[in-house]
Amino acid sequence: MSGNVLVAGGAGYIGAHACKALARAGYTPVTVDNLTTGWAPAVRFGPLEVADLMDRARLDEVFARWRPVAVMHFASLSQVGEAERDPGRYWRENINASLTLIEAMIAAGCANLIFSSTCATYGDQDGVMLDEDTAQRPANAYGASKRAIEEMIGHFAASAGLRPVIFRYFNVAGADPEGETAEFHDPETHLILLLLDVAAGRRPSLTLFGTDYPTPDGTCIRDYLHVSDLVEAHLLGLERLLAGEVSRVFCLGSGRGFSVREVIEAARAVTGHAIPVAVGPRRPGDAARLVCGSHRAGRELGWQPARSSLAAMIEDGWRAHRDLLPRFWHRNDGKESE
């Protein structure tokens, strides 16, 4: 395969891993990122265009320069807590950025879009194996904005020939097994990264929110997907579009979940650290069990979450967290990240 692929949000965690996978497959990944939450050192596998997705004139320049065969769209505000405190920002920025990007694509004659959506569009449907046919009932502005973008994409597909593949997935974890890129967020909210922070001495302990859920060990169960498996699905979706096949929505998950206690014990085993845990009260709205199925992706894309064991996700994440982040990850103002 060859050609330029524009990666919106390519300086972020998932986007950076996607850029490496694209480069290895023979494409040239062109990162478009305003570096508000992305990190310039993560852009190591292709060129960087610093641009805001809401700046149509700048996007037109980027499309004219690179003439991409497709766009992978990872850029998004994605903090659920922030979305509950400031829903207007999520409606304003997520929707407007995606609309401007899609209109720039259409104007440039680029029809192929891989959109990174989320199982947050389903809301808290406790105990349901979530798949493509599950009703979407988002519980916050983040999930609602993503659902609205999916609907927007459908309208452009019907009216302007946009050809999308949409992926919905839950918790992404792990890092490049070869250690060339890693996971980092500011602020950090992901369970596995919080555990690795404690193991590395960056935090004193982890707070476990609730131990009385109706699950085998009393803690919440969530589905986790290795980032390498996730970006492999995106490559398969890209190849589907370039082969002329029809647009499609796919859910991506392991089909089973891990409890918070299981994740804690696995992190202790992998890192060799005790990882102190403090027990706190339940958080409002936390469902007991959320698991995502991926049968359609297996049937139609030939995709399997081959690396999504809990041990592999933590091992890869720990290696990068311990070895790569201190050398490469810096704040945009030049100060080393904590």
Protein backbone atom coordinates (compact mmCIF):
# COMPACT_ATOMS: atom_id res chain seq x y z
CA MET A 1 0.00 0.00 0.00
CA SER A 2 1.09 3.59 -0.54
CA GLY A 3 -0.19 7.14 -0.43
CA ASN A 4 -0.56 9.86 2.15
CA VAL A 5 -3.02 9.38 5.02
CA LEU A 6 -3.94 12.43 7.06
CA VAL A 7 -4.08 11.50 10.76
CA ALA A 8 -6.09 14.04 12.76
CA GLY A 9 -4.84 13.81 16.33
CA GLY A 10 -1.70 11.94 15.30
CA ALA A 11 0.29 13.46 18.18
CA GLY A 12 -1.94 11.73 20.72
CA TYR A 13 -1.71 8.25 22.21
CA ILE A 14 -3.75 6.25 19.70
CA GLY A 15 -2.93 8.52 16.77
CA ALA A 16 0.82 8.11 17.26
CA HIS A 17 0.48 4.33 17.29
CA ALA A 18 -1.65 4.52 14.15
CA CYS A 19 1.04 6.59 12.44
CA LYS A 20 3.64 3.92 13.12
CA ALA A 21 1.34 1.20 11.78
CA LEU A 22 0.60 3.24 8.66
CA ALA A 23 4.28 3.89 8.00
CA ARG A 24 5.09 0.20 8.42
CA ALA A 25 2.32 -0.66 5.94
CA GLY A 26 3.82 1.65 3.31
CA TYR A 27 1.70 4.78 3.77
CA THR A 28 2.95 8.23 4.70
CA PRO A 29 1.09 9.35 7.84
CA VAL A 30 0.65 13.13 7.93
CA THR A 31 -0.20 14.23 11.45
CA VAL A 32 -2.55 17.19 11.85
CA ASP A 33 -2.63 18.29 15.47
CA ASN A 34 -2.88 21.59 17.36
CA LEU A 35 -0.76 20.07 20.19
CA THR A 36 -3.25 21.14 22.84
CA THR A 37 -3.37 17.61 24.22
CA GLY A 38 -1.02 15.95 21.74
CA TRP A 39 2.75 15.75 22.14
CA ALA A 40 5.20 16.76 19.41
CA PRO A 41 7.77 14.07 20.39
CA ALA A 42 5.15 11.45 19.55
CA VAL A 43 5.24 12.45 15.86
CA ARG A 44 8.09 10.21 14.74
CA PHE A 45 6.81 8.33 11.71
CA GLY A 46 5.82 11.08 9.27
CA PRO A 47 5.46 14.85 8.91
CA LEU A 48 3.62 17.10 11.35
CA GLU A 49 1.27 19.88 10.31
CA VAL A 50 0.42 22.01 13.34
CA ALA A 51 -3.16 23.06 12.69
CA ASP A 52 -6.48 23.45 14.44
CA LEU A 53 -9.26 21.38 12.88
CA MET A 54 -11.61 24.34 13.16
CA ASP A 55 -9.34 26.43 10.92
CA ARG A 56 -10.74 25.70 7.47
CA ALA A 57 -8.19 27.78 5.57
CA ARG A 58 -5.32 25.95 7.25
CA LEU A 59 -6.92 22.57 6.54
CA ASP A 60 -7.32 23.51 2.87
CA GLU A 61 -3.58 24.20 2.76
CA VAL A 62 -2.80 20.82 4.29
CA PHE A 63 -5.07 18.92 1.90
CA ALA A 64 -3.66 20.78 -1.11
CA ARG A 65 -0.10 20.02 -0.05
CA TRP A 66 -0.47 16.33 0.77
CA ARG A 67 -3.52 15.17 -1.26
CA PRO A 68 -4.30 12.27 1.10
CA VAL A 69 -6.03 9.11 -0.05
CA ALA A 70 -7.84 8.94 3.30
CA VAL A 71 -8.25 10.55 6.71
CA MET A 72 -8.05 8.85 10.10
CA HIS A 73 -9.83 11.05 12.62
CA PHE A 74 -8.73 10.52 16.25
CA ALA A 75 -8.86 14.15 17.40
CA SER A 76 -11.36 14.72 20.19
CA LEU A 77 -11.92 16.06 23.66
CA SER A 78 -12.52 12.87 25.63
CA GLN A 79 -12.52 13.46 29.40
CA VAL A 80 -15.88 12.30 30.76
CA GLY A 81 -15.57 14.31 33.97
CA GLU A 82 -14.82 17.49 32.05
CA ALA A 83 -17.69 16.75 29.65
CA GLU A 84 -20.07 16.66 32.62
CA ARG A 85 -18.70 19.94 34.02
CA ASP A 86 -18.46 21.80 30.72
CA PRO A 87 -20.71 20.15 28.13
CA GLY A 88 -20.73 23.24 25.93
CA ARG A 89 -17.04 22.87 25.19
CA TYR A 90 -17.58 19.30 24.00
CA TRP A 91 -20.52 20.17 21.79
CA ARG A 92 -18.72 23.19 20.40
CA GLU A 93 -15.24 21.80 19.79
CA ASN A 94 -15.85 18.13 18.93
CA ILE A 95 -18.71 18.89 16.56
CA ASN A 96 -17.21 21.96 14.87
CA ALA A 97 -13.80 20.35 14.40
CA SER A 98 -15.30 17.26 12.78
CA LEU A 99 -17.64 19.30 10.58
CA THR A 100 -14.81 21.51 9.34
CA LEU A 101 -12.58 18.52 8.68
CA ILE A 102 -15.27 16.69 6.71
CA GLU A 103 -16.10 19.76 4.64
CA ALA A 104 -12.40 20.21 3.86
CA MET A 105 -12.19 16.55 2.83
CA ILE A 106 -15.14 16.86 0.47
CA ALA A 107 -13.76 20.06 -1.07
CA ALA A 108 -10.40 18.35 -1.64
CA GLY A 109 -11.95 15.26 -3.20
CA CYS A 110 -10.89 12.95 -0.37
CA ALA A 111 -13.80 10.64 0.40
CA ASN A 112 -12.32 7.93 2.64
CA LEU A 113 -12.76 8.52 6.37
CA ILE A 114 -11.85 6.27 9.31
CA PHE A 115 -13.60 7.74 12.35
CA SER A 116 -12.58 6.87 15.89
CA SER A 117 -15.84 6.82 17.84
CA THR A 118 -16.54 5.33 21.24
CA CYS A 119 -18.74 2.92 23.12
CA ALA A 120 -19.64 5.93 25.26
CA THR A 121 -22.33 6.50 22.64
CA TYR A 122 -24.17 3.58 24.32
CA GLY A 123 -24.17 5.11 27.78
CA ASP A 124 -24.25 2.97 30.92
CA GLN A 125 -26.08 -0.12 29.70
CA ASP A 126 -25.00 -2.33 32.54
CA GLY A 127 -24.41 -6.02 31.84
CA VAL A 128 -25.18 -5.84 28.11
CA MET A 129 -22.76 -7.21 25.52
CA LEU A 130 -22.54 -4.04 23.45
CA ASP A 131 -22.49 -4.43 19.68
CA GLU A 132 -23.40 -2.49 16.55
CA ASP A 133 -27.13 -3.12 17.03
CA THR A 134 -27.30 -1.93 20.64
CA ALA A 135 -29.34 1.26 21.05
CA GLN A 136 -27.19 4.35 21.55
CA ARG A 137 -28.08 6.23 24.74
CA PRO A 138 -25.09 8.43 25.65
CA ALA A 139 -24.96 9.56 29.26
CA ASN A 140 -22.71 12.62 28.85
CA ALA A 141 -21.67 15.29 26.36
CA TYR A 142 -18.62 13.33 25.23
CA GLY A 143 -20.63 10.29 24.13
CA ALA A 144 -23.42 12.49 22.78
CA SER A 145 -21.01 14.55 20.68
CA LYS A 146 -19.50 11.38 19.22
CA ARG A 147 -22.95 10.03 18.37
CA ALA A 148 -23.82 13.34 16.71
CA ILE A 149 -20.62 13.15 14.63
CA GLU A 150 -21.58 9.64 13.53
CA GLU A 151 -24.95 11.03 12.39
CA MET A 152 -23.21 13.92 10.65
CA ILE A 153 -20.96 11.48 8.81
CA GLY A 154 -24.04 9.57 7.66
CA HIS A 155 -25.57 12.72 6.17
CA PHE A 156 -22.37 13.53 4.27
CA ALA A 157 -22.17 9.95 3.05
CA ALA A 158 -25.68 10.26 1.64
CA SER A 159 -25.28 13.72 0.13
CA ALA A 160 -21.61 14.13 -0.79
CA GLY A 161 -20.18 10.66 -1.33
CA LEU A 162 -18.22 10.45 1.91
CA ARG A 163 -17.10 6.85 2.50
CA PRO A 164 -16.69 6.16 6.22
CA VAL A 165 -15.68 3.31 8.46
CA ILE A 166 -16.59 3.97 12.09
CA PHE A 167 -15.06 2.17 15.06
CA ARG A 168 -16.59 2.13 18.55
CA TYR A 169 -14.48 0.84 21.42
CA PHE A 170 -13.92 1.11 25.16
CA ASN A 171 -10.71 1.25 27.16
CA VAL A 172 -7.49 1.25 25.17
CA ALA A 173 -4.30 0.23 26.98
CA GLY A 174 -0.74 -0.89 26.40
CA ALA A 175 1.91 0.58 24.16
CA ASP A 176 4.00 -0.23 21.11
CA PRO A 177 5.65 -3.60 21.88
CA GLU A 178 8.85 -2.31 20.23
CA GLY A 179 8.99 0.65 22.61
CA GLU A 180 8.90 3.46 20.06
CA THR A 181 5.82 5.25 21.37
CA ALA A 182 3.79 5.21 24.56
CA GLU A 183 0.66 6.27 26.38
CA PHE A 184 0.50 9.56 28.24
CA HIS A 185 -2.35 11.87 29.24
CA ASP A 186 -2.52 15.12 31.17
CA PRO A 187 -4.48 14.84 33.37
CA GLU A 188 -4.19 11.08 33.70
CA THR A 189 -7.48 9.22 34.23
CA HIS A 190 -6.86 5.74 32.80
CA LEU A 191 -6.74 2.93 35.36
CA ILE A 192 -3.69 1.08 34.04
CA LEU A 193 -1.65 4.26 33.64
CA LEU A 194 -2.60 5.36 37.15
CA LEU A 195 -1.38 2.01 38.45
CA LEU A 196 1.88 2.37 36.55
CA ASP A 197 2.29 5.87 37.96
CA VAL A 198 2.01 4.41 41.47
CA ALA A 199 4.48 1.65 40.63
CA ALA A 200 6.92 4.26 39.26
CA GLY A 201 6.61 6.39 42.40
CA ARG A 202 4.81 9.26 40.68
CA ARG A 203 1.68 8.81 42.82
CA PRO A 204 1.37 7.55 46.40
CA SER A 205 -1.57 5.19 45.83
CA LEU A 206 -4.57 4.30 43.68
CA THR A 207 -8.12 5.02 44.81
CA LEU A 208 -10.52 2.12 44.19
CA PHE A 209 -14.02 3.55 43.77
CA GLY A 210 -16.45 1.07 45.23
CA THR A 211 -16.12 -2.57 46.29
CA ASP A 212 -19.78 -3.59 46.58
CA TYR A 213 -20.80 -4.00 42.93
CA PRO A 214 -22.68 -7.19 41.87
CA THR A 215 -19.54 -8.73 40.32
CA PRO A 216 -17.42 -11.70 41.49
CA ASP A 217 -15.01 -9.51 43.49
CA GLY A 218 -17.22 -6.46 44.08
CA THR A 219 -15.40 -4.12 41.69
CA CYS A 220 -16.42 -2.81 38.29
CA ILE A 221 -15.66 -4.83 35.17
CA ARG A 222 -14.49 -3.15 31.97
CA ASP A 223 -13.33 -4.28 28.55
CA TYR A 224 -9.72 -3.44 27.62
CA LEU A 225 -8.15 -3.44 24.16
CA HIS A 226 -4.44 -3.29 23.32
CA VAL A 227 -3.61 -0.20 21.28
CA SER A 228 -1.79 -2.35 18.70
CA ASP A 229 -4.95 -4.39 18.12
CA LEU A 230 -6.96 -1.19 17.81
CA VAL A 231 -4.75 0.40 15.16
CA GLU A 232 -4.62 -2.90 13.28
CA ALA A 233 -8.41 -2.65 12.94
CA HIS A 234 -8.02 0.88 11.60
CA LEU A 235 -5.61 -0.35 8.94
CA LEU A 236 -8.03 -3.10 7.95
CA GLY A 237 -10.80 -0.52 7.74
CA LEU A 238 -8.63 1.67 5.51
CA GLU A 239 -7.89 -1.25 3.20
CA ARG A 240 -11.61 -2.00 3.07
CA LEU A 241 -12.36 1.51 1.83
CA LEU A 242 -9.48 1.61 -0.67
CA ALA A 243 -10.71 -1.72 -2.07
CA GLY A 244 -14.06 -0.08 -2.81
CA GLU A 245 -16.13 -1.92 -0.21
CA VAL A 246 -19.13 -0.33 1.48
CA SER A 247 -19.05 1.84 4.56
CA ARG A 248 -19.58 0.14 7.91
CA VAL A 249 -19.72 0.55 11.69
CA PHE A 250 -17.65 -1.84 13.82
CA CYS A 251 -17.46 -2.38 17.56
CA LEU A 252 -14.04 -3.39 18.89
CA GLY A 253 -13.50 -5.22 22.14
CA SER A 254 -12.10 -8.36 23.67
CA GLY A 255 -15.56 -9.78 24.37
CA ARG A 256 -14.69 -10.20 28.04
CA GLY A 257 -13.88 -7.79 30.82
CA PHE A 258 -11.50 -7.46 33.73
CA SER A 259 -12.43 -6.23 37.19
CA VAL A 260 -10.55 -3.39 38.81
CA ARG A 261 -9.10 -5.83 41.34
CA GLU A 262 -7.90 -8.12 38.53
CA VAL A 263 -6.15 -5.19 36.86
CA ILE A 264 -4.52 -4.16 40.15
CA GLU A 265 -3.21 -7.67 40.82
CA ALA A 266 -1.89 -8.00 37.26
CA ALA A 267 -0.10 -4.65 37.57
CA ARG A 268 1.50 -5.76 40.83
CA ALA A 269 2.67 -9.00 39.21
CA VAL A 270 4.11 -7.30 36.12
CA THR A 271 5.83 -4.37 37.84
CA GLY A 272 6.97 -6.17 40.98
CA HIS A 273 5.68 -3.28 43.10
CA ALA A 274 3.14 -3.45 45.92
CA ILE A 275 0.98 -0.59 44.51
CA PRO A 276 -0.89 0.70 47.57
CA VAL A 277 -4.66 1.01 47.14
CA ALA A 278 -7.08 3.22 49.05
CA VAL A 279 -10.78 2.32 48.99
CA GLY A 280 -13.20 5.13 48.23
CA PRO A 281 -16.96 5.37 47.66
CA ARG A 282 -18.66 4.56 44.39
CA ARG A 283 -18.63 7.25 41.74
CA PRO A 284 -22.07 8.34 40.52
CA GLY A 285 -23.04 6.67 37.24
CA ASP A 286 -20.44 3.88 37.25
CA ALA A 287 -21.96 0.73 35.78
CA ALA A 288 -21.01 -2.65 37.21
CA ARG A 289 -20.09 -4.33 33.91
CA LEU A 290 -19.43 -2.88 30.44
CA VAL A 291 -18.12 -5.21 27.75
CA CYS A 292 -17.89 -4.68 23.99
CA GLY A 293 -18.28 -7.39 21.38
CA SER A 294 -16.52 -7.46 18.00
CA HIS A 295 -18.05 -10.33 16.03
CA ARG A 296 -18.69 -8.18 12.94
CA ALA A 297 -15.08 -7.01 12.82
CA GLY A 298 -13.96 -10.63 13.01
CA ARG A 299 -16.28 -11.75 10.23
CA GLU A 300 -15.87 -8.85 7.82
CA LEU A 301 -12.36 -7.54 8.52
CA GLY A 302 -10.68 -10.72 9.69
CA TRP A 303 -9.70 -8.85 12.85
CA GLN A 304 -8.89 -10.44 16.19
CA PRO A 305 -7.67 -8.77 19.43
CA ALA A 306 -4.56 -10.93 19.44
CA ARG A 307 -2.51 -8.89 21.93
CA SER A 308 -5.29 -7.85 24.29
CA SER A 309 -4.41 -10.06 27.25
CA LEU A 310 -4.18 -8.17 30.50
CA ALA A 311 -0.55 -9.23 31.00
CA ALA A 312 0.54 -8.04 27.53
CA MET A 313 -1.19 -4.68 27.87
CA ILE A 314 0.40 -4.00 31.24
CA GLU A 315 3.83 -5.34 30.26
CA ASP A 316 3.99 -3.19 27.11
CA GLY A 317 2.65 -0.17 28.95
CA TRP A 318 5.09 -0.60 31.84
CA ARG A 319 8.09 -0.92 29.53
CA ALA A 320 7.19 2.31 27.74
CA HIS A 321 6.18 4.10 30.94
CA ARG A 322 9.46 3.21 32.60
CA ASP A 323 11.90 3.53 29.69
CA LEU A 324 10.44 5.78 26.98
CA LEU A 325 8.49 8.51 28.75
CA PRO A 326 11.41 9.94 30.74
CA ARG A 327 13.45 10.29 27.52
CA PHE A 328 10.88 11.52 25.01
CA TRP A 329 7.71 12.92 26.59
CA HIS A 330 7.89 16.62 27.44
CA ARG A 331 5.31 19.30 27.92
CA ASN A 332 4.67 21.65 25.05
CA ASP A 333 6.29 24.43 27.08
CA GLY A 334 9.52 22.44 27.25
CA LYS A 335 9.23 21.30 30.85
CA GLU A 336 9.55 17.60 31.54
CA SER A 337 6.21 16.01 32.30
CA GLU A 338 5.59 14.69 35.78
